[in-house]
Amino acid sequence: MQSSHSLDRLKTSFDDERLVAHAGLLLPATLAAHLGLRQLVDEHVDLGSAPGRANVGDKFLTLVMSALAGGDCIDDVNALRAGRTDQVLGCTLKAASTVGTYLRGFRWGHVRQLDAVSRQLLARAWAAGAGPGKEPFTIDIDSTICTTYGLQKEGALHYGYTGERGYHPLVAVAAKTGDVLMSRLRGGNANTARGAGHFVTETIGRVRGAGATGALTFRADSGFYTHAVVAVCRRMNARFSITMRLQPKPRSLIEAIPEENWTAISYWMEGGGAPRGAVYPRGLRSPPLAAAAVGRS
């Protein structure tokens, strides 16, 4: 007897009001509620007369939760509107069309408003116990490539040095936890070190303002081997460990340093950072060598 059941007649529905999509979002949603993220956005972000100016906190949280759930385009926010997911996210979930209108209202000044939000959010999180306090704090800075696919995106019209079309942002990350402390979007054709000095200045101001009172150390690769970065670290009393290309002249200068002038690096991380027993010369002050190893202000 032939069965009357076939796969093409099956239909999947999500219509039970007790069901929640992406229940794992409950944890970050609870954290966001305790830190007052939605209220911070409502307080600091003003889109003026733009069509998407209303309820900016709810729209912002909709985007955050969508990104945490794996969304990578505006339409993906609709996945959060299934079942009663909105009851556990601490905000009113917005439709993709509403979020798109909201995002199109942003200009450079509004991005700086979001900078103020993230600065205060970091301070609140660290005040609740997540920060380094008086402990030494190491920050890694680097640039990355964010690939884009549209052919008319401002700042990403041309291929960058990696041969990809996209943006080239700067990122500052807490070495021990991997938390992103600061980021700055740049065009895809930006040189690695473009704006790095100002970026380090902002990062130091941000972590100091959030409550990090211990010694700061910045680590970076040779792309940040510039006078601007070193000057900021010295001026703002931060140590630095910056790789440099070992060209003949600086190599000869380093090799001429007496053995007794070398001291073991004071920090080392299991699985990362400088190798055990790495050293740097005491008293380095000449510009070619100041960024060759760990420097002191």
Protein backbone atom coordinates (compact mmCIF):
# COMPACT_ATOMS: atom_id res chain seq x y z
CA MET A 1 0.00 0.00 0.00
CA GLN A 2 1.47 3.36 -0.98
CA SER A 3 1.82 5.92 1.78
CA SER A 4 -0.03 9.22 1.38
CA HIS A 5 2.71 11.12 3.22
CA SER A 6 5.44 13.00 1.35
CA LEU A 7 8.04 15.58 2.38
CA ASP A 8 6.73 18.22 0.01
CA ARG A 9 3.48 18.32 1.99
CA LEU A 10 5.16 19.05 5.33
CA LYS A 11 4.90 22.57 6.75
CA THR A 12 6.90 23.94 9.66
CA SER A 13 5.32 26.67 11.77
CA PHE A 14 6.42 28.75 14.77
CA ASP A 15 3.09 29.87 16.21
CA ASP A 16 3.16 28.91 19.89
CA GLU A 17 3.27 32.11 21.97
CA ARG A 18 5.33 30.33 24.63
CA LEU A 19 8.23 29.57 22.26
CA VAL A 20 11.35 31.73 22.13
CA ALA A 21 13.80 31.90 19.24
CA HIS A 22 17.49 32.15 20.17
CA ALA A 23 16.90 31.77 23.92
CA GLY A 24 20.66 32.12 24.46
CA LEU A 25 20.18 35.87 23.97
CA LEU A 26 18.61 36.02 27.43
CA LEU A 27 22.06 36.37 29.04
CA PRO A 28 23.33 39.38 27.02
CA ALA A 29 19.84 40.92 27.15
CA THR A 30 19.92 40.70 30.96
CA LEU A 31 23.39 42.26 31.03
CA ALA A 32 22.27 45.07 28.71
CA ALA A 33 19.30 45.75 30.97
CA HIS A 34 21.45 45.90 34.11
CA LEU A 35 23.92 48.27 32.42
CA GLY A 36 21.12 50.47 31.09
CA LEU A 37 22.17 50.20 27.43
CA ARG A 38 18.81 51.17 25.93
CA GLN A 39 18.57 54.23 28.18
CA LEU A 40 22.12 55.29 27.28
CA VAL A 41 21.29 55.19 23.56
CA ASP A 42 18.05 57.14 24.11
CA GLU A 43 20.02 59.74 26.08
CA HIS A 44 22.96 60.24 23.74
CA VAL A 45 21.80 59.45 20.19
CA ASP A 46 19.83 62.24 18.51
CA LEU A 47 19.10 61.80 14.80
CA GLY A 48 17.56 65.24 14.54
CA SER A 49 14.76 65.35 11.97
CA ALA A 50 15.71 62.06 10.26
CA PRO A 51 12.75 59.70 9.63
CA GLY A 52 14.23 57.05 11.97
CA ARG A 53 14.70 59.36 14.94
CA ALA A 54 12.07 57.80 17.24
CA ASN A 55 12.78 54.99 19.74
CA VAL A 56 16.49 54.82 18.90
CA GLY A 57 17.23 52.63 21.94
CA ASP A 58 14.86 49.88 20.82
CA LYS A 59 16.21 49.96 17.26
CA PHE A 60 19.80 49.82 18.48
CA LEU A 61 19.12 46.83 20.74
CA THR A 62 17.29 45.07 17.91
CA LEU A 63 20.46 45.34 15.83
CA VAL A 64 22.69 44.21 18.70
CA MET A 65 20.59 41.13 19.43
CA SER A 66 20.37 40.25 15.73
CA ALA A 67 24.16 40.47 15.39
CA LEU A 68 24.64 38.25 18.47
CA ALA A 69 22.28 35.70 16.95
CA GLY A 70 24.36 35.57 13.77
CA GLY A 71 22.57 38.16 11.65
CA ASP A 72 24.73 39.82 9.02
CA CYS A 73 22.18 41.91 7.11
CA ILE A 74 19.22 44.12 7.96
CA ASP A 75 16.61 41.53 6.97
CA ASP A 76 17.98 39.10 9.57
CA VAL A 77 16.41 41.10 12.42
CA ASN A 78 13.08 39.56 11.44
CA ALA A 79 14.28 36.19 12.79
CA LEU A 80 13.92 37.63 16.31
CA ARG A 81 10.23 38.38 15.85
CA ALA A 82 9.14 34.74 16.01
CA GLY A 83 7.17 33.48 19.01
CA ARG A 84 7.60 35.51 22.20
CA THR A 85 11.25 36.35 21.77
CA ASP A 86 10.50 40.03 22.33
CA GLN A 87 9.46 39.21 25.90
CA VAL A 88 12.99 38.21 26.93
CA LEU A 89 15.12 40.81 25.13
CA GLY A 90 14.22 43.90 27.13
CA CYS A 91 13.24 45.99 24.10
CA THR A 92 10.56 46.35 21.47
CA LEU A 93 11.85 44.46 18.45
CA LYS A 94 11.67 46.46 15.24
CA ALA A 95 11.01 45.27 11.70
CA ALA A 96 13.82 45.22 9.14
CA SER A 97 12.32 48.13 7.20
CA THR A 98 12.20 50.26 10.37
CA VAL A 99 15.80 49.41 11.24
CA GLY A 100 16.90 50.26 7.70
CA THR A 101 15.31 53.71 7.96
CA TYR A 102 17.05 54.20 11.31
CA LEU A 103 20.50 53.31 9.95
CA ARG A 104 20.14 55.58 6.92
CA GLY A 105 19.74 58.53 9.29
CA PHE A 106 23.28 58.16 10.66
CA ARG A 107 26.07 60.60 9.89
CA TRP A 108 29.59 60.96 11.32
CA GLY A 109 28.39 62.96 14.34
CA HIS A 110 25.92 60.23 15.24
CA VAL A 111 28.72 57.67 15.22
CA ARG A 112 30.53 59.84 17.76
CA GLN A 113 27.36 59.82 19.84
CA LEU A 114 27.54 56.03 19.87
CA ASP A 115 31.18 56.37 20.96
CA ALA A 116 29.90 58.21 24.05
CA VAL A 117 27.44 55.37 24.67
CA SER A 118 30.12 52.67 24.48
CA ARG A 119 32.47 54.72 26.68
CA GLN A 120 29.89 54.94 29.46
CA LEU A 121 28.85 51.32 28.97
CA LEU A 122 32.47 50.21 29.48
CA ALA A 123 32.72 52.32 32.63
CA ARG A 124 29.54 50.77 34.04
CA ALA A 125 30.68 47.23 33.25
CA TRP A 126 34.07 47.80 34.86
CA ALA A 127 32.51 49.47 37.90
CA ALA A 128 30.44 46.29 38.32
CA GLY A 129 33.65 44.25 38.61
CA ALA A 130 34.67 43.41 35.04
CA GLY A 131 37.56 45.89 34.83
CA PRO A 132 41.26 45.61 35.69
CA GLY A 133 41.13 48.18 38.49
CA LYS A 134 44.66 48.76 39.82
CA GLU A 135 46.14 45.75 38.02
CA PRO A 136 48.50 46.17 35.04
CA PHE A 137 46.53 46.18 31.81
CA THR A 138 47.79 45.18 28.35
CA ILE A 139 46.04 46.37 25.21
CA ASP A 140 46.60 44.97 21.71
CA ILE A 141 45.98 47.30 18.77
CA ASP A 142 45.71 46.22 15.17
CA SER A 143 43.85 46.85 11.95
CA THR A 144 41.57 44.40 10.19
CA ILE A 145 39.78 44.02 6.87
CA CYS A 146 35.96 43.98 6.76
CA THR A 147 35.01 42.74 3.31
CA THR A 148 32.12 44.44 1.52
CA TYR A 149 30.16 43.21 -1.46
CA GLY A 150 28.36 46.28 -2.79
CA LEU A 151 30.14 48.20 -5.53
CA GLN A 152 29.01 51.68 -4.44
CA LYS A 153 29.82 51.70 -0.71
CA GLU A 154 31.46 54.95 0.31
CA GLY A 155 35.00 54.31 1.53
CA ALA A 156 35.10 50.85 -0.03
CA LEU A 157 34.96 51.62 -3.74
CA HIS A 158 38.48 50.40 -4.43
CA TYR A 159 40.57 47.39 -3.47
CA GLY A 160 42.84 47.66 -0.44
CA TYR A 161 46.37 46.38 -0.02
CA THR A 162 45.11 42.82 0.56
CA GLY A 163 43.34 42.79 -2.78
CA GLU A 164 39.90 42.83 -1.11
CA ARG A 165 37.18 45.42 -1.41
CA GLY A 166 36.16 46.57 2.05
CA TYR A 167 36.89 48.74 5.07
CA HIS A 168 40.09 48.88 7.13
CA PRO A 169 39.16 49.69 10.75
CA LEU A 170 41.41 50.00 13.79
CA VAL A 171 40.63 47.87 16.85
CA ALA A 172 41.92 47.94 20.45
CA VAL A 173 41.43 44.70 22.41
CA ALA A 174 42.05 43.73 26.04
CA ALA A 175 44.86 41.16 25.86
CA LYS A 176 43.59 38.83 28.59
CA THR A 177 39.88 38.76 27.81
CA GLY A 178 39.63 39.65 24.11
CA ASP A 179 37.09 42.39 24.88
CA VAL A 180 36.99 45.11 22.22
CA LEU A 181 37.73 48.40 23.98
CA MET A 182 37.73 50.80 21.04
CA SER A 183 37.27 50.70 17.28
CA ARG A 184 37.45 53.23 14.49
CA LEU A 185 36.13 52.66 10.96
CA ARG A 186 38.35 53.78 8.09
CA GLY A 187 38.24 53.52 4.33
CA GLY A 188 39.63 50.40 2.70
CA ASN A 189 42.56 52.27 1.18
CA ALA A 190 43.80 53.56 4.56
CA ASN A 191 47.39 52.90 5.52
CA THR A 192 47.68 50.65 8.58
CA ALA A 193 48.97 53.46 10.81
CA ARG A 194 46.69 56.23 9.55
CA GLY A 195 45.14 57.93 12.57
CA ALA A 196 46.80 55.45 14.95
CA GLY A 197 48.23 58.14 17.23
CA HIS A 198 44.82 59.71 17.81
CA PHE A 199 43.29 56.25 18.16
CA VAL A 200 45.72 55.34 20.96
CA THR A 201 44.99 58.69 22.65
CA GLU A 202 41.26 57.93 22.64
CA THR A 203 41.81 54.38 23.84
CA ILE A 204 43.91 55.52 26.80
CA GLY A 205 41.32 58.16 27.71
CA ARG A 206 38.57 55.59 27.48
CA VAL A 207 40.17 52.93 29.72
CA ARG A 208 41.39 55.51 32.24
CA GLY A 209 37.93 57.04 32.37
CA ALA A 210 36.43 53.58 32.88
CA GLY A 211 38.57 52.99 35.97
CA ALA A 212 41.81 51.34 34.84
CA THR A 213 44.35 52.96 37.18
CA GLY A 214 47.23 50.48 36.86
CA ALA A 215 50.12 50.45 34.40
CA LEU A 216 49.08 50.35 30.72
CA THR A 217 51.03 48.52 28.02
CA PHE A 218 50.25 48.73 24.31
CA ARG A 219 51.33 45.96 21.93
CA ALA A 220 51.32 46.26 18.16
CA ASP A 221 52.98 44.92 15.03
CA SER A 222 55.33 46.79 12.71
CA GLY A 223 52.46 48.57 10.97
CA PHE A 224 52.28 50.82 14.04
CA TYR A 225 56.01 51.53 14.20
CA THR A 226 55.54 55.30 13.97
CA HIS A 227 56.70 58.35 15.91
CA ALA A 228 53.05 59.37 16.44
CA VAL A 229 52.14 56.19 18.36
CA VAL A 230 55.29 56.24 20.48
CA ALA A 231 54.88 59.95 21.25
CA VAL A 232 51.32 59.39 22.53
CA CYS A 233 52.39 56.49 24.76
CA ARG A 234 55.19 58.56 26.27
CA ARG A 235 53.01 61.63 26.77
CA MET A 236 50.22 59.64 28.42
CA ASN A 237 52.48 57.45 30.57
CA ALA A 238 51.84 54.13 28.83
CA ARG A 239 54.41 51.46 28.03
CA PHE A 240 54.60 50.02 24.55
CA SER A 241 55.87 46.95 22.73
CA ILE A 242 55.97 47.53 18.98
CA THR A 243 57.58 45.25 16.43
CA MET A 244 59.84 46.86 13.88
CA ARG A 245 61.32 45.67 10.64
CA LEU A 246 64.90 44.68 11.40
CA GLN A 247 66.72 46.77 8.84
CA PRO A 248 70.54 46.88 8.79
CA LYS A 249 71.03 50.17 10.64
CA PRO A 250 68.76 49.51 13.66
CA ARG A 251 70.04 45.94 13.82
CA SER A 252 73.63 47.14 14.16
CA LEU A 253 72.58 49.61 16.87
CA ILE A 254 70.73 46.90 18.82
CA GLU A 255 73.61 44.46 18.57
CA ALA A 256 75.94 47.13 19.95
CA ILE A 257 73.98 47.39 23.23
CA PRO A 258 76.01 45.81 26.07
CA GLU A 259 74.61 42.56 27.47
CA GLU A 260 74.28 44.01 30.97
CA ASN A 261 71.84 46.64 29.69
CA TRP A 262 69.16 44.06 28.84
CA THR A 263 66.30 43.29 31.25
CA ALA A 264 63.62 40.59 31.12
CA ILE A 265 60.22 41.80 29.95
CA SER A 266 57.92 42.06 32.97
CA TYR A 267 54.79 40.64 31.32
CA TRP A 268 54.17 37.29 29.66
CA MET A 269 50.96 35.46 28.82
CA GLU A 270 50.52 31.72 28.53
CA GLY A 271 49.87 31.01 24.86
CA GLY A 272 50.55 34.57 23.70
CA GLY A 273 52.54 37.74 24.11
CA ALA A 274 56.30 37.91 24.31
CA PRO A 275 58.21 34.61 24.67
CA ARG A 276 59.50 33.71 28.11
CA GLY A 277 62.87 35.29 28.72
CA ALA A 278 62.44 38.00 26.08
CA VAL A 279 64.38 41.10 26.94
CA TYR A 280 64.58 44.77 26.13
CA PRO A 281 67.44 47.23 26.59
CA ARG A 282 67.31 49.67 29.49
CA GLY A 283 67.24 53.37 28.83
CA LEU A 284 66.30 53.30 25.14
CA ARG A 285 65.56 56.84 24.07
CA SER A 286 66.73 57.20 20.45
CA PRO A 287 63.76 57.35 17.98
CA PRO A 288 64.93 54.42 15.78
CA LEU A 289 65.03 52.09 18.78
CA ALA A 290 62.31 53.44 21.04
CA ALA A 291 59.65 51.41 19.25
CA ALA A 292 61.82 48.38 18.67
CA ALA A 293 60.96 46.85 22.03
CA VAL A 294 59.08 47.66 25.22
CA GLY A 295 59.43 51.37 25.93
CA ARG A 296 58.84 53.37 29.05
CA SER A 297 57.48 56.89 29.17
